[in-house]
Amino acid sequence: MPFSNPGTEEIRQLLREVHTIAIVGLSPNESRPSFGVARGLQSKGYRIIPVRPLVDEVLGEKAYPDLESLPDLPDIVEVFRAPVHVPAIVDSCIRLGIKRLWLQDGVVHEEAAQKAQAAGITVVMNRCMWRDCAQLCGTRA
């Protein structure tokens, strides 16, 4: 059975329930899409946790090299990495007990998304969290 995203209402509810977003692959480069999305989400009141090796800080938040290094579990993990990296990220989410995963526009890995769903993780794939937040949540916070 092919992967399918949650419906619009479920996505809206998810975006209203989460407060902390670990962004895997968040770039400190202001011209990168991940930076713009993170800045937009931060402006809506979300706490951003950068997950990227060899970076100390992004958008005023301490960065961590991987999900296993986070001091606390985030409400959701958002992925800005090539699809080839998604299975390992899903494995980390399952191991850590993270219950929500968002794969940004262009990040598609059907098998890994299905594995995450089978483990009880809510998965949104190939959608932009910032765009969905702006369209579905208005002035969140």
N, C-alpha and C. Protein backbone atom coordinates (compact mmCIF):
# COMPACT_ATOMS: atom_id res chain seq x y z
N MET A 1 0.84 -1.18 0.00
CA MET A 1 0.00 0.00 0.00
C MET A 1 0.89 1.25 0.00
N PRO A 2 0.68 2.17 -0.93
CA PRO A 2 1.54 3.36 -1.02
C PRO A 2 1.31 4.31 0.17
N PHE A 3 2.34 5.07 0.47
CA PHE A 3 2.27 6.06 1.55
C PHE A 3 1.29 7.16 1.17
N SER A 4 0.56 7.67 2.15
CA SER A 4 -0.25 8.87 1.93
C SER A 4 -0.14 9.76 3.16
N ASN A 5 -0.10 11.05 2.90
CA ASN A 5 0.00 12.04 3.97
C ASN A 5 -1.29 12.11 4.76
N PRO A 6 -1.20 12.59 6.00
CA PRO A 6 -2.42 12.85 6.76
C PRO A 6 -3.26 13.90 6.03
N GLY A 7 -4.52 13.96 6.35
CA GLY A 7 -5.41 14.96 5.75
C GLY A 7 -5.11 16.36 6.26
N THR A 8 -5.70 17.35 5.62
CA THR A 8 -5.46 18.75 5.94
C THR A 8 -5.75 19.06 7.40
N GLU A 9 -6.85 18.58 7.93
CA GLU A 9 -7.20 18.86 9.33
C GLU A 9 -6.20 18.25 10.30
N GLU A 10 -5.74 17.05 10.00
CA GLU A 10 -4.75 16.40 10.86
C GLU A 10 -3.43 17.16 10.82
N ILE A 11 -3.05 17.66 9.66
CA ILE A 11 -1.83 18.45 9.55
C ILE A 11 -1.99 19.76 10.32
N ARG A 12 -3.13 20.40 10.19
CA ARG A 12 -3.39 21.64 10.93
C ARG A 12 -3.27 21.39 12.44
N GLN A 13 -3.87 20.30 12.91
CA GLN A 13 -3.82 19.96 14.34
C GLN A 13 -2.39 19.68 14.78
N LEU A 14 -1.65 18.94 13.97
CA LEU A 14 -0.25 18.65 14.28
C LEU A 14 0.54 19.95 14.44
N LEU A 15 0.37 20.87 13.51
CA LEU A 15 1.10 22.14 13.56
C LEU A 15 0.71 22.98 14.77
N ARG A 16 -0.50 22.82 15.26
CA ARG A 16 -0.94 23.55 16.45
C ARG A 16 -0.44 22.90 17.74
N GLU A 17 -0.20 21.59 17.70
CA GLU A 17 0.21 20.86 18.91
C GLU A 17 1.71 20.92 19.16
N VAL A 18 2.52 21.02 18.12
CA VAL A 18 3.97 20.97 18.32
C VAL A 18 4.50 22.33 18.76
N HIS A 19 5.58 22.27 19.54
CA HIS A 19 6.23 23.50 20.01
C HIS A 19 7.72 23.51 19.67
N THR A 20 8.35 22.33 19.72
CA THR A 20 9.77 22.25 19.42
C THR A 20 9.98 21.43 18.15
N ILE A 21 10.79 21.97 17.25
CA ILE A 21 11.05 21.33 15.96
C ILE A 21 12.55 21.12 15.81
N ALA A 22 12.98 19.86 15.80
CA ALA A 22 14.38 19.56 15.49
C ALA A 22 14.49 19.51 13.97
N ILE A 23 15.32 20.38 13.41
CA ILE A 23 15.46 20.45 11.96
C ILE A 23 16.78 19.83 11.55
N VAL A 24 16.69 18.62 10.98
CA VAL A 24 17.87 17.89 10.54
C VAL A 24 18.31 18.45 9.19
N GLY A 25 19.55 18.95 9.15
CA GLY A 25 20.07 19.54 7.92
C GLY A 25 19.87 21.04 7.85
N LEU A 26 19.54 21.68 8.98
CA LEU A 26 19.36 23.13 9.00
C LEU A 26 20.68 23.83 8.71
N SER A 27 20.71 24.61 7.65
CA SER A 27 21.91 25.30 7.24
C SER A 27 22.02 26.68 7.90
N PRO A 28 23.24 27.08 8.29
CA PRO A 28 23.42 28.43 8.80
C PRO A 28 23.49 29.47 7.69
N ASN A 29 23.46 29.02 6.43
CA ASN A 29 23.52 29.90 5.27
C ASN A 29 22.12 30.48 5.01
N GLU A 30 22.00 31.80 5.14
CA GLU A 30 20.71 32.47 5.00
C GLU A 30 20.05 32.28 3.64
N SER A 31 20.83 31.92 2.63
CA SER A 31 20.25 31.76 1.29
C SER A 31 19.66 30.35 1.07
N ARG A 32 19.86 29.44 2.02
CA ARG A 32 19.35 28.07 1.87
C ARG A 32 17.89 27.98 2.30
N PRO A 33 17.10 27.16 1.61
CA PRO A 33 15.69 27.01 1.98
C PRO A 33 15.48 26.60 3.44
N SER A 34 16.33 25.75 3.97
CA SER A 34 16.15 25.31 5.36
C SER A 34 16.22 26.49 6.32
N PHE A 35 17.10 27.43 6.05
CA PHE A 35 17.25 28.61 6.92
C PHE A 35 15.97 29.46 6.87
N GLY A 36 15.47 29.70 5.66
CA GLY A 36 14.25 30.51 5.52
C GLY A 36 13.05 29.87 6.18
N VAL A 37 12.91 28.56 6.01
CA VAL A 37 11.79 27.85 6.64
C VAL A 37 11.92 27.92 8.16
N ALA A 38 13.13 27.66 8.67
CA ALA A 38 13.35 27.70 10.12
C ALA A 38 13.08 29.09 10.68
N ARG A 39 13.56 30.12 9.99
CA ARG A 39 13.32 31.48 10.46
C ARG A 39 11.82 31.79 10.48
N GLY A 40 11.12 31.36 9.44
CA GLY A 40 9.68 31.59 9.40
C GLY A 40 8.96 30.86 10.53
N LEU A 41 9.32 29.62 10.77
CA LEU A 41 8.69 28.86 11.86
C LEU A 41 9.01 29.47 13.21
N GLN A 42 10.25 29.92 13.37
CA GLN A 42 10.65 30.56 14.62
C GLN A 42 9.83 31.84 14.85
N SER A 43 9.56 32.57 13.77
CA SER A 43 8.78 33.81 13.90
C SER A 43 7.33 33.53 14.30
N LYS A 44 6.88 32.29 14.07
CA LYS A 44 5.51 31.90 14.45
C LYS A 44 5.46 31.36 15.89
N GLY A 45 6.61 31.35 16.57
CA GLY A 45 6.62 30.93 17.96
C GLY A 45 7.13 29.52 18.22
N TYR A 46 7.55 28.82 17.18
CA TYR A 46 8.11 27.49 17.38
C TYR A 46 9.55 27.62 17.88
N ARG A 47 9.98 26.67 18.73
CA ARG A 47 11.38 26.60 19.13
C ARG A 47 12.08 25.70 18.12
N ILE A 48 13.13 26.22 17.53
CA ILE A 48 13.89 25.51 16.51
C ILE A 48 15.13 24.89 17.17
N ILE A 49 15.39 23.62 16.87
CA ILE A 49 16.60 22.96 17.35
C ILE A 49 17.37 22.50 16.11
N PRO A 50 18.47 23.19 15.79
CA PRO A 50 19.27 22.80 14.63
C PRO A 50 19.97 21.46 14.86
N VAL A 51 19.90 20.57 13.89
CA VAL A 51 20.61 19.29 13.94
C VAL A 51 21.49 19.24 12.70
N ARG A 52 22.77 19.51 12.94
CA ARG A 52 23.74 19.55 11.84
C ARG A 52 25.15 19.47 12.41
N PRO A 53 25.92 18.50 11.99
CA PRO A 53 27.30 18.39 12.48
C PRO A 53 28.13 19.61 12.07
N LEU A 54 29.13 19.91 12.86
CA LEU A 54 30.12 20.95 12.58
C LEU A 54 29.55 22.37 12.60
N VAL A 55 28.37 22.54 13.19
CA VAL A 55 27.77 23.86 13.32
C VAL A 55 27.48 24.07 14.81
N ASP A 56 27.83 25.24 15.33
CA ASP A 56 27.60 25.51 16.75
C ASP A 56 26.20 26.07 17.03
N GLU A 57 25.71 26.89 16.11
CA GLU A 57 24.46 27.61 16.36
C GLU A 57 23.83 28.06 15.05
N VAL A 58 22.50 28.06 15.02
CA VAL A 58 21.77 28.62 13.90
C VAL A 58 20.56 29.34 14.48
N LEU A 59 20.31 30.55 14.01
CA LEU A 59 19.16 31.35 14.45
C LEU A 59 19.12 31.50 15.97
N GLY A 60 20.31 31.64 16.58
CA GLY A 60 20.39 31.84 18.02
C GLY A 60 20.17 30.59 18.86
N GLU A 61 20.04 29.44 18.22
CA GLU A 61 19.81 28.18 18.94
C GLU A 61 21.03 27.27 18.82
N LYS A 62 21.40 26.63 19.91
CA LYS A 62 22.52 25.68 19.92
C LYS A 62 22.23 24.54 18.96
N ALA A 63 23.23 24.18 18.17
CA ALA A 63 23.08 23.08 17.21
C ALA A 63 23.65 21.78 17.80
N TYR A 64 23.11 20.66 17.35
CA TYR A 64 23.53 19.34 17.79
C TYR A 64 23.91 18.52 16.56
N PRO A 65 24.88 17.61 16.70
CA PRO A 65 25.35 16.87 15.53
C PRO A 65 24.37 15.82 15.02
N ASP A 66 23.49 15.31 15.89
CA ASP A 66 22.52 14.28 15.47
C ASP A 66 21.38 14.24 16.49
N LEU A 67 20.35 13.51 16.16
CA LEU A 67 19.18 13.43 17.04
C LEU A 67 19.54 12.81 18.39
N GLU A 68 20.45 11.86 18.38
CA GLU A 68 20.84 11.20 19.63
C GLU A 68 21.51 12.15 20.62
N SER A 69 22.02 13.26 20.15
CA SER A 69 22.72 14.22 21.01
C SER A 69 21.79 15.25 21.65
N LEU A 70 20.53 15.28 21.25
CA LEU A 70 19.60 16.26 21.80
C LEU A 70 19.38 16.01 23.29
N PRO A 71 19.35 17.08 24.11
CA PRO A 71 19.12 16.90 25.55
C PRO A 71 17.68 16.49 25.87
N ASP A 72 16.74 16.88 25.02
CA ASP A 72 15.32 16.55 25.20
C ASP A 72 14.74 16.16 23.85
N LEU A 73 13.68 15.37 23.87
CA LEU A 73 13.03 14.98 22.62
C LEU A 73 12.22 16.15 22.07
N PRO A 74 12.33 16.39 20.78
CA PRO A 74 11.50 17.43 20.15
C PRO A 74 10.08 16.90 19.94
N ASP A 75 9.16 17.82 19.68
CA ASP A 75 7.79 17.41 19.36
C ASP A 75 7.72 16.81 17.96
N ILE A 76 8.61 17.27 17.09
CA ILE A 76 8.63 16.79 15.70
C ILE A 76 10.04 16.95 15.15
N VAL A 77 10.39 16.09 14.21
CA VAL A 77 11.64 16.19 13.47
C VAL A 77 11.30 16.57 12.04
N GLU A 78 11.91 17.65 11.57
CA GLU A 78 11.75 18.07 10.17
C GLU A 78 13.06 17.79 9.45
N VAL A 79 12.97 17.23 8.24
CA VAL A 79 14.17 16.77 7.53
C VAL A 79 14.42 17.58 6.26
N PHE A 80 15.61 18.17 6.21
CA PHE A 80 16.14 18.84 5.02
C PHE A 80 17.40 18.10 4.59
N ARG A 81 17.29 16.83 4.30
CA ARG A 81 18.43 16.02 3.85
C ARG A 81 17.99 15.26 2.61
N ALA A 82 18.96 14.79 1.85
CA ALA A 82 18.66 13.99 0.67
C ALA A 82 17.92 12.72 1.10
N PRO A 83 17.02 12.23 0.26
CA PRO A 83 16.25 11.03 0.60
C PRO A 83 17.09 9.84 1.05
N VAL A 84 18.31 9.70 0.55
CA VAL A 84 19.15 8.57 0.92
C VAL A 84 19.42 8.54 2.43
N HIS A 85 19.33 9.68 3.11
CA HIS A 85 19.59 9.76 4.55
C HIS A 85 18.36 9.48 5.40
N VAL A 86 17.19 9.44 4.79
CA VAL A 86 15.95 9.31 5.55
C VAL A 86 15.85 7.99 6.34
N PRO A 87 16.22 6.84 5.80
CA PRO A 87 16.11 5.62 6.60
C PRO A 87 16.84 5.68 7.94
N ALA A 88 18.03 6.24 7.95
CA ALA A 88 18.78 6.36 9.21
C ALA A 88 18.09 7.32 10.17
N ILE A 89 17.50 8.38 9.64
CA ILE A 89 16.78 9.34 10.48
C ILE A 89 15.53 8.68 11.06
N VAL A 90 14.84 7.90 10.26
CA VAL A 90 13.67 7.16 10.75
C VAL A 90 14.10 6.19 11.85
N ASP A 91 15.19 5.48 11.65
CA ASP A 91 15.68 4.56 12.68
C ASP A 91 15.97 5.30 13.99
N SER A 92 16.56 6.48 13.89
CA SER A 92 16.82 7.28 15.09
C SER A 92 15.51 7.69 15.76
N CYS A 93 14.54 8.13 14.99
CA CYS A 93 13.25 8.52 15.56
C CYS A 93 12.59 7.35 16.28
N ILE A 94 12.63 6.18 15.68
CA ILE A 94 12.04 4.99 16.30
C ILE A 94 12.79 4.66 17.60
N ARG A 95 14.09 4.65 17.55
CA ARG A 95 14.92 4.31 18.71
C ARG A 95 14.68 5.30 19.86
N LEU A 96 14.54 6.59 19.54
CA LEU A 96 14.39 7.63 20.56
C LEU A 96 12.94 7.81 21.04
N GLY A 97 11.99 7.28 20.28
CA GLY A 97 10.59 7.44 20.66
C GLY A 97 9.96 8.74 20.19
N ILE A 98 10.52 9.33 19.14
CA ILE A 98 9.96 10.55 18.55
C ILE A 98 8.71 10.16 17.76
N LYS A 99 7.62 10.89 17.95
CA LYS A 99 6.33 10.46 17.43
C LYS A 99 5.86 11.20 16.17
N ARG A 100 6.62 12.21 15.72
CA ARG A 100 6.21 12.95 14.53
C ARG A 100 7.42 13.23 13.65
N LEU A 101 7.24 13.07 12.35
CA LEU A 101 8.32 13.27 11.38
C LEU A 101 7.77 14.00 10.16
N TRP A 102 8.50 15.02 9.74
CA TRP A 102 8.09 15.82 8.57
C TRP A 102 9.24 15.82 7.58
N LEU A 103 8.98 15.32 6.38
CA LEU A 103 9.98 15.33 5.31
C LEU A 103 9.63 16.48 4.36
N GLN A 104 10.53 17.44 4.29
CA GLN A 104 10.30 18.68 3.55
C GLN A 104 10.08 18.42 2.06
N ASP A 105 9.58 19.42 1.34
CA ASP A 105 9.42 19.33 -0.12
C ASP A 105 10.63 18.67 -0.76
N GLY A 106 10.40 17.70 -1.62
CA GLY A 106 11.48 17.04 -2.35
C GLY A 106 12.15 15.91 -1.59
N VAL A 107 11.85 15.75 -0.32
CA VAL A 107 12.44 14.67 0.48
C VAL A 107 11.41 13.54 0.52
N VAL A 108 11.62 12.56 -0.36
CA VAL A 108 10.66 11.46 -0.52
C VAL A 108 11.39 10.13 -0.38
N HIS A 109 10.90 9.32 0.56
CA HIS A 109 11.43 7.96 0.71
C HIS A 109 10.26 7.10 1.21
N GLU A 110 9.54 6.52 0.27
CA GLU A 110 8.32 5.75 0.56
C GLU A 110 8.55 4.67 1.62
N GLU A 111 9.58 3.85 1.42
CA GLU A 111 9.83 2.72 2.31
C GLU A 111 10.09 3.20 3.75
N ALA A 112 10.92 4.23 3.90
CA ALA A 112 11.23 4.75 5.23
C ALA A 112 9.98 5.38 5.87
N ALA A 113 9.17 6.08 5.08
CA ALA A 113 7.94 6.68 5.61
C ALA A 113 6.99 5.60 6.09
N GLN A 114 6.87 4.52 5.34
CA GLN A 114 6.00 3.41 5.75
C GLN A 114 6.54 2.74 7.01
N LYS A 115 7.85 2.59 7.10
CA LYS A 115 8.46 2.00 8.30
C LYS A 115 8.15 2.86 9.53
N ALA A 116 8.27 4.17 9.36
CA ALA A 116 7.98 5.10 10.46
C ALA A 116 6.52 4.99 10.87
N GLN A 117 5.62 4.98 9.90
CA GLN A 117 4.19 4.85 10.21
C GLN A 117 3.91 3.55 10.95
N ALA A 118 4.52 2.46 10.50
CA ALA A 118 4.32 1.16 11.13
C ALA A 118 4.79 1.18 12.58
N ALA A 119 5.74 2.07 12.90
CA ALA A 119 6.26 2.19 14.26
C ALA A 119 5.44 3.19 15.09
N GLY A 120 4.34 3.70 14.51
CA GLY A 120 3.47 4.61 15.25
C GLY A 120 3.82 6.08 15.12
N ILE A 121 4.69 6.41 14.17
CA ILE A 121 5.09 7.80 13.95
C ILE A 121 4.16 8.43 12.93
N THR A 122 3.68 9.63 13.23
CA THR A 122 2.91 10.41 12.25
C THR A 122 3.91 11.01 11.27
N VAL A 123 3.71 10.75 9.98
CA VAL A 123 4.65 11.19 8.95
C VAL A 123 3.95 12.10 7.94
N VAL A 124 4.59 13.22 7.66
CA VAL A 124 4.18 14.10 6.57
C VAL A 124 5.37 14.13 5.62
N MET A 125 5.13 13.88 4.35
CA MET A 125 6.23 13.76 3.39
C MET A 125 6.00 14.64 2.17
N ASN A 126 7.10 15.27 1.71
CA ASN A 126 7.10 16.06 0.47
C ASN A 126 6.16 17.27 0.56
N ARG A 127 6.18 17.90 1.74
CA ARG A 127 5.40 19.13 1.95
C ARG A 127 6.28 20.11 2.70
N CYS A 128 5.99 21.39 2.56
CA CYS A 128 6.74 22.43 3.25
C CYS A 128 6.03 22.80 4.55
N MET A 129 6.72 22.60 5.67
CA MET A 129 6.11 22.89 6.97
C MET A 129 5.77 24.38 7.10
N TRP A 130 6.66 25.24 6.64
CA TRP A 130 6.42 26.68 6.75
C TRP A 130 5.21 27.09 5.90
N ARG A 131 5.14 26.61 4.68
CA ARG A 131 4.01 26.94 3.81
C ARG A 131 2.71 26.43 4.41
N ASP A 132 2.71 25.18 4.89
CA ASP A 132 1.50 24.63 5.51
C ASP A 132 1.12 25.40 6.75
N CYS A 133 2.10 25.79 7.54
CA CYS A 133 1.83 26.57 8.75
C CYS A 133 1.18 27.91 8.38
N ALA A 134 1.76 28.58 7.40
CA ALA A 134 1.23 29.88 6.97
C ALA A 134 -0.20 29.75 6.43
N GLN A 135 -0.46 28.68 5.66
CA GLN A 135 -1.77 28.51 5.04
C GLN A 135 -2.82 27.97 6.02
N LEU A 136 -2.41 27.08 6.92
CA LEU A 136 -3.38 26.37 7.75
C LEU A 136 -3.55 26.93 9.16
N CYS A 137 -2.54 27.64 9.64
CA CYS A 137 -2.58 28.05 11.05
C CYS A 137 -2.69 29.54 11.26
N GLY A 138 -2.61 30.31 10.20
CA GLY A 138 -2.73 31.76 10.37
C GLY A 138 -1.70 32.29 11.35
N THR A 139 -2.15 32.94 12.37
CA THR A 139 -1.25 33.53 13.37
C THR A 139 -1.12 32.64 14.59
N ARG A 140 -0.59 31.46 14.41
CA ARG A 140 -0.36 30.47 15.47
C ARG A 140 0.13 31.15 16.76
N ALA A 141 0.47 30.62 17.74
CA ALA A 141 1.06 31.17 18.98
C ALA A 141 0.09 31.74 19.91
